[in-house]
C-alpha atoms as a PDB file:
ATOM      1  CA  MET A   1      -4.017 -28.710  -1.607  1.00  0.00           C
ATOM      2  CA  GLU A   2      -0.655 -28.096  -3.533  1.00  0.00           C
ATOM      3  CA  LEU A   3      -1.159 -24.000  -3.800  1.00  0.00           C
ATOM      4  CA  VAL A   4      -1.910 -23.956  -0.118  1.00  0.00           C
ATOM      5  CA  GLU A   5       1.221 -25.459   0.834  1.00  0.00           C
ATOM      6  CA  LYS A   6       3.010 -23.036  -1.402  1.00  0.00           C
ATOM      7  CA  ARG A   7       1.229 -19.968  -0.220  1.00  0.00           C
ATOM      8  CA  PRO A   8       3.348 -17.222   1.261  1.00  0.00           C
ATOM      9  CA  LYS A   9       2.743 -15.887   4.576  1.00  0.00           C
ATOM     10  CA  LEU A  10       2.566 -12.037   5.247  1.00  0.00           C
ATOM     11  CA  VAL A  11       5.433 -11.712   7.986  1.00  0.00           C
ATOM     12  CA  SER A  12       6.097  -7.654   7.691  1.00  0.00           C
ATOM     13  CA  PHE A  13       4.046  -4.579   6.881  1.00  0.00           C
ATOM     14  CA  ARG A  14       5.626  -1.111   7.311  1.00  0.00           C
ATOM     15  CA  ALA A  15       5.095   2.410   6.238  1.00  0.00           C
ATOM     16  CA  LEU A  16       8.326   3.614   4.323  1.00  0.00           C
ATOM     17  CA  ALA A  17       7.738   7.255   4.318  1.00  0.00           C
ATOM     18  CA  PHE A  18       4.903   9.586   4.560  1.00  0.00           C
ATOM     19  CA  HIS A  19       4.752  13.337   3.725  1.00  0.00           C
ATOM     20  CA  GLY A  20       1.701  15.658   4.008  1.00  0.00           C
ATOM     21  CA  GLU A  21       1.209  19.610   3.793  1.00  0.00           C
ATOM     22  CA  ASN A  22      -2.015  20.909   4.856  1.00  0.00           C
ATOM     23  CA  ARG A  23      -1.556  24.497   5.728  1.00  0.00           C
ATOM     24  CA  SER A  24      -5.482  25.467   4.874  1.00  0.00           C
ATOM     25  CA  PRO A  25      -7.536  26.800   7.636  1.00  0.00           C
ATOM     26  CA  ALA A  26      -9.496  23.807   9.483  1.00  0.00           C
ATOM     27  CA  ASN A  27     -13.111  24.733   8.032  1.00  0.00           C
ATOM     28  CA  GLY A  28     -15.286  21.721   8.475  1.00  0.00           C
ATOM     29  CA  SER A  29     -18.115  23.602   6.171  1.00  0.00           C
ATOM     30  CA  ASP A  30     -15.767  23.434   3.038  1.00  0.00           C
ATOM     31  CA  GLY A  31     -15.897  20.762   0.255  1.00  0.00           C
ATOM     32  CA  TRP A  32     -13.035  19.193  -0.850  1.00  0.00           C
ATOM     33  CA  THR A  33     -12.057  17.166  -3.974  1.00  0.00           C
ATOM     34  CA  ILE A  34      -9.508  14.559  -3.540  1.00  0.00           C
ATOM     35  CA  GLN A  35      -7.297  13.189  -6.605  1.00  0.00           C
ATOM     36  CA  LEU A  36      -5.704   9.704  -5.185  1.00  0.00           C
ATOM     37  CA  THR A  37      -2.946   8.235  -7.568  1.00  0.00           C
ATOM     38  CA  GLN A  38      -1.361   4.750  -6.677  1.00  0.00           C
ATOM     39  CA  ASN A  39       1.489   2.879  -7.564  1.00  0.00           C
ATOM     40  CA  ILE A  40       1.988  -0.836  -6.730  1.00  0.00           C
ATOM     41  CA  GLU A  41       4.529  -2.945  -7.804  1.00  0.00           C
ATOM     42  CA  VAL A  42       4.814  -6.824  -6.915  1.00  0.00           C
ATOM     43  CA  GLY A  43       7.868  -8.901  -7.000  1.00  0.00           C
ATOM     44  CA  LEU A  44       9.790 -11.596  -5.858  1.00  0.00           C
ATOM     45  CA  ALA A  45      12.970 -11.120  -3.746  1.00  0.00           C
ATOM     46  CA  ILE A  46      15.552 -14.005  -3.904  1.00  0.00           C
ATOM     47  CA  PRO A  47      17.524 -14.482  -0.314  1.00  0.00           C
ATOM     48  CA  THR A  48      21.287 -13.474  -0.564  1.00  0.00           C
ATOM     49  CA  VAL A  49      21.984 -15.535   2.647  1.00  0.00           C
ATOM     50  CA  ALA A  50      21.898 -19.454   2.843  1.00  0.00           C
ATOM     51  CA  GLY A  51      19.013 -20.910   4.272  1.00  0.00           C
ATOM     52  CA  GLY A  52      16.688 -17.572   3.729  1.00  0.00           C
ATOM     53  CA  SER A  53      13.375 -17.852   2.510  1.00  0.00           C
ATOM     54  CA  LEU A  54      11.848 -16.673  -0.799  1.00  0.00           C
ATOM     55  CA  GLN A  55       9.847 -13.556  -0.387  1.00  0.00           C
ATOM     56  CA  ALA A  56       7.014 -11.987  -2.277  1.00  0.00           C
ATOM     57  CA  ILE A  57       7.131  -8.076  -1.909  1.00  0.00           C
ATOM     58  CA  VAL A  58       4.410  -5.569  -2.440  1.00  0.00           C
ATOM     59  CA  LYS A  59       5.217  -2.059  -2.452  1.00  0.00           C
ATOM     60  CA  ILE A  60       2.492   0.604  -2.691  1.00  0.00           C
ATOM     61  CA  GLY A  61       3.019   4.289  -3.284  1.00  0.00           C
ATOM     62  CA  LEU A  62       0.250   6.669  -2.503  1.00  0.00           C
ATOM     63  CA  ILE A  63      -0.195  10.406  -3.610  1.00  0.00           C
ATOM     64  CA  ALA A  64      -2.918  12.251  -2.904  1.00  0.00           C
ATOM     65  CA  GLU A  65      -4.058  16.041  -3.973  1.00  0.00           C
ATOM     66  CA  ALA A  66      -6.676  17.851  -2.440  1.00  0.00           C
ATOM     67  CA  ALA A  67      -8.247  21.117  -3.295  1.00  0.00           C
ATOM     68  CA  ASN A  68     -10.811  23.302  -1.693  1.00  0.00           C
ATOM     69  CA  ASP A  69     -13.837  23.360  -4.021  1.00  0.00           C
ATOM     70  CA  GLY A  70     -14.506  26.880  -3.018  1.00  0.00           C
ATOM     71  CA  LYS A  71     -11.392  28.427  -2.722  1.00  0.00           C
ATOM     72  CA  ALA A  72      -8.952  27.464  -5.507  1.00  0.00           C
ATOM     73  CA  ASP A  73      -5.721  28.814  -3.390  1.00  0.00           C
ATOM     74  CA  GLN A  74      -6.156  26.037  -0.838  1.00  0.00           C
ATOM     75  CA  LYS A  75      -4.484  22.877  -1.343  1.00  0.00           C
ATOM     76  CA  ALA A  76      -3.164  19.901   0.372  1.00  0.00           C
ATOM     77  CA  THR A  77      -0.822  17.168  -0.693  1.00  0.00           C
ATOM     78  CA  PHE A  78      -0.015  13.599   0.926  1.00  0.00           C
ATOM     79  CA  SER A  79       2.427  10.932  -0.146  1.00  0.00           C
ATOM     80  CA  ALA A  80       3.398   7.669   1.313  1.00  0.00           C
ATOM     81  CA  ASP A  81       5.475   4.663   0.590  1.00  0.00           C
ATOM     82  CA  TYR A  82       4.562   1.132   1.995  1.00  0.00           C
ATOM     83  CA  GLU A  83       5.957  -2.122   1.903  1.00  0.00           C
ATOM     84  CA  ALA A  84       4.597  -5.852   2.563  1.00  0.00           C
ATOM     85  CA  LYS A  85       6.606  -9.074   2.645  1.00  0.00           C
ATOM     86  CA  PHE A  86       5.282 -12.221   2.386  1.00  0.00           C
ATOM     87  CA  ASP A  87       7.586 -15.387   3.393  1.00  0.00           C
ATOM     88  CA  TYR A  88       7.060 -18.733   1.366  1.00  0.00           C
ATOM     89  CA  PRO A  89       7.685 -21.976   3.070  1.00  0.00           C
ATOM     90  CA  SER A  90      11.244 -23.130   2.853  1.00  0.00           C
ATOM     91  CA  THR A  91      10.132 -26.072   0.544  1.00  0.00           C
ATOM     92  CA  VAL A  92       9.252 -23.696  -2.288  1.00  0.00           C
ATOM     93  CA  THR A  93      11.612 -23.358  -5.148  1.00  0.00           C
ATOM     94  CA  GLU A  94      12.655 -20.237  -6.864  1.00  0.00           C
ATOM     95  CA  ALA A  95      10.876 -21.679 -10.266  1.00  0.00           C
ATOM     96  CA  GLU A  96       7.893 -22.294  -8.567  1.00  0.00           C
ATOM     97  CA  ALA A  97       7.623 -18.793  -6.746  1.00  0.00           C
ATOM     98  CA  SER A  98       8.355 -17.226  -9.939  1.00  0.00           C
ATOM     99  CA  ALA A  99       5.520 -19.215 -12.022  1.00  0.00           C
ATOM    100  CA  LEU A 100       3.297 -18.646  -8.772  1.00  0.00           C
ATOM    101  CA  ILE A 101       3.745 -15.075  -8.794  1.00  0.00           C
ATOM    102  CA  GLU A 102       3.392 -14.125 -12.523  1.00  0.00           C
ATOM    103  CA  PRO A 103      -0.606 -14.433 -12.770  1.00  0.00           C
ATOM    104  CA  GLU A 104      -2.386 -11.085 -12.120  1.00  0.00           C
ATOM    105  CA  THR A 105      -4.931 -12.769 -10.138  1.00  0.00           C
ATOM    106  CA  TYR A 106      -2.387 -14.251  -7.945  1.00  0.00           C
ATOM    107  CA  GLN A 107      -0.490 -10.709  -7.507  1.00  0.00           C
ATOM    108  CA  TYR A 108      -4.382  -9.277  -6.538  1.00  0.00           C
ATOM    109  CA  VAL A 109      -4.176 -11.675  -3.663  1.00  0.00           C
ATOM    110  CA  LEU A 110      -1.105 -10.471  -2.381  1.00  0.00           C
ATOM    111  CA  VAL A 111      -1.742  -6.722  -2.904  1.00  0.00           C
ATOM    112  CA  ALA A 112      -5.504  -7.090  -1.032  1.00  0.00           C
ATOM    113  CA  GLN A 113      -3.802  -8.215   1.880  1.00  0.00           C
ATOM    114  CA  ALA A 114      -1.385  -5.284   2.320  1.00  0.00           C
ATOM    115  CA  PHE A 115      -3.856  -2.451   0.437  1.00  0.00           C
ATOM    116  CA  PRO A 116      -6.473  -2.082   3.483  1.00  0.00           C
ATOM    117  CA  LEU A 117      -3.595  -1.734   5.818  1.00  0.00           C
ATOM    118  CA  THR A 118      -1.619   0.924   3.609  1.00  0.00           C
ATOM    119  CA  MET A 119      -5.267   2.713   3.293  1.00  0.00           C
ATOM    120  CA  THR A 120      -5.750   2.509   6.969  1.00  0.00           C
ATOM    121  CA  HIS A 121      -2.217   4.156   7.857  1.00  0.00           C
ATOM    122  CA  PHE A 122      -2.813   6.552   5.279  1.00  0.00           C
ATOM    123  CA  ARG A 123      -6.100   7.839   6.040  1.00  0.00           C
ATOM    124  CA  ARG A 124      -5.324   7.942  10.030  1.00  0.00           C
ATOM    125  CA  GLU A 125      -1.976  10.313   8.827  1.00  0.00           C
ATOM    126  CA  MET A 126      -4.143  12.640   6.606  1.00  0.00           C
ATOM    127  CA  GLN A 127      -6.601  12.961   9.618  1.00  0.00           C
ATOM    128  CA  SER A 128      -3.957  13.591  12.140  1.00  0.00           C
ATOM    129  CA  MET A 129      -2.964  16.262   9.770  1.00  0.00           C
ATOM    130  CA  GLY A 130      -6.820  17.758  10.231  1.00  0.00           C
ATOM    131  CA  PHE A 131      -8.190  16.623   6.708  1.00  0.00           C
ATOM    132  CA  ASP A 132     -11.207  14.736   6.893  1.00  0.00           C
ATOM    133  CA  ALA A 133     -10.140  11.193   4.682  1.00  0.00           C
ATOM    134  CA  ARG A 134     -13.201   9.373   5.843  1.00  0.00           C
ATOM    135  CA  LYS A 135     -14.329   9.249   2.305  1.00  0.00           C
ATOM    136  CA  LEU A 136     -11.198   7.256   0.774  1.00  0.00           C
ATOM    137  CA  PRO A 137     -11.654   3.726   0.115  1.00  0.00           C
ATOM    138  CA  LEU A 138      -9.879   1.102   2.363  1.00  0.00           C
ATOM    139  CA  GLY A 139     -10.194  -1.838  -0.429  1.00  0.00           C
ATOM    140  CA  ILE A 140      -9.045  -1.896  -3.938  1.00  0.00           C
END
């Protein structure tokens, strides 16, 4: 029960940046190969204002590079940065939060909450630029 009382709550998720280029002609019959690279960082934010709560922060960076299987000159690139913030209860101390956030399994639980939100937005933005991203995974 002690761990549940110290569990941070997701309070903020936002897209920090998205950039995409898909200058290839829209042709639904062509096959594309997508290479997706992800960079995930998990950290602890200490408040600088008295009374502020400790936060666990997850930052996710994605880069997708796509190439037309039949036409090597046709390429598309997409990149985005996302941030999720989790507030710890006010009773949690910095030492407790630091100890909690250290294990990889704990970090995985935080990332597992933010990653589906990230991929949902990323896929939708790719699709808005005329690229079929339905095959990209929603989970980690």
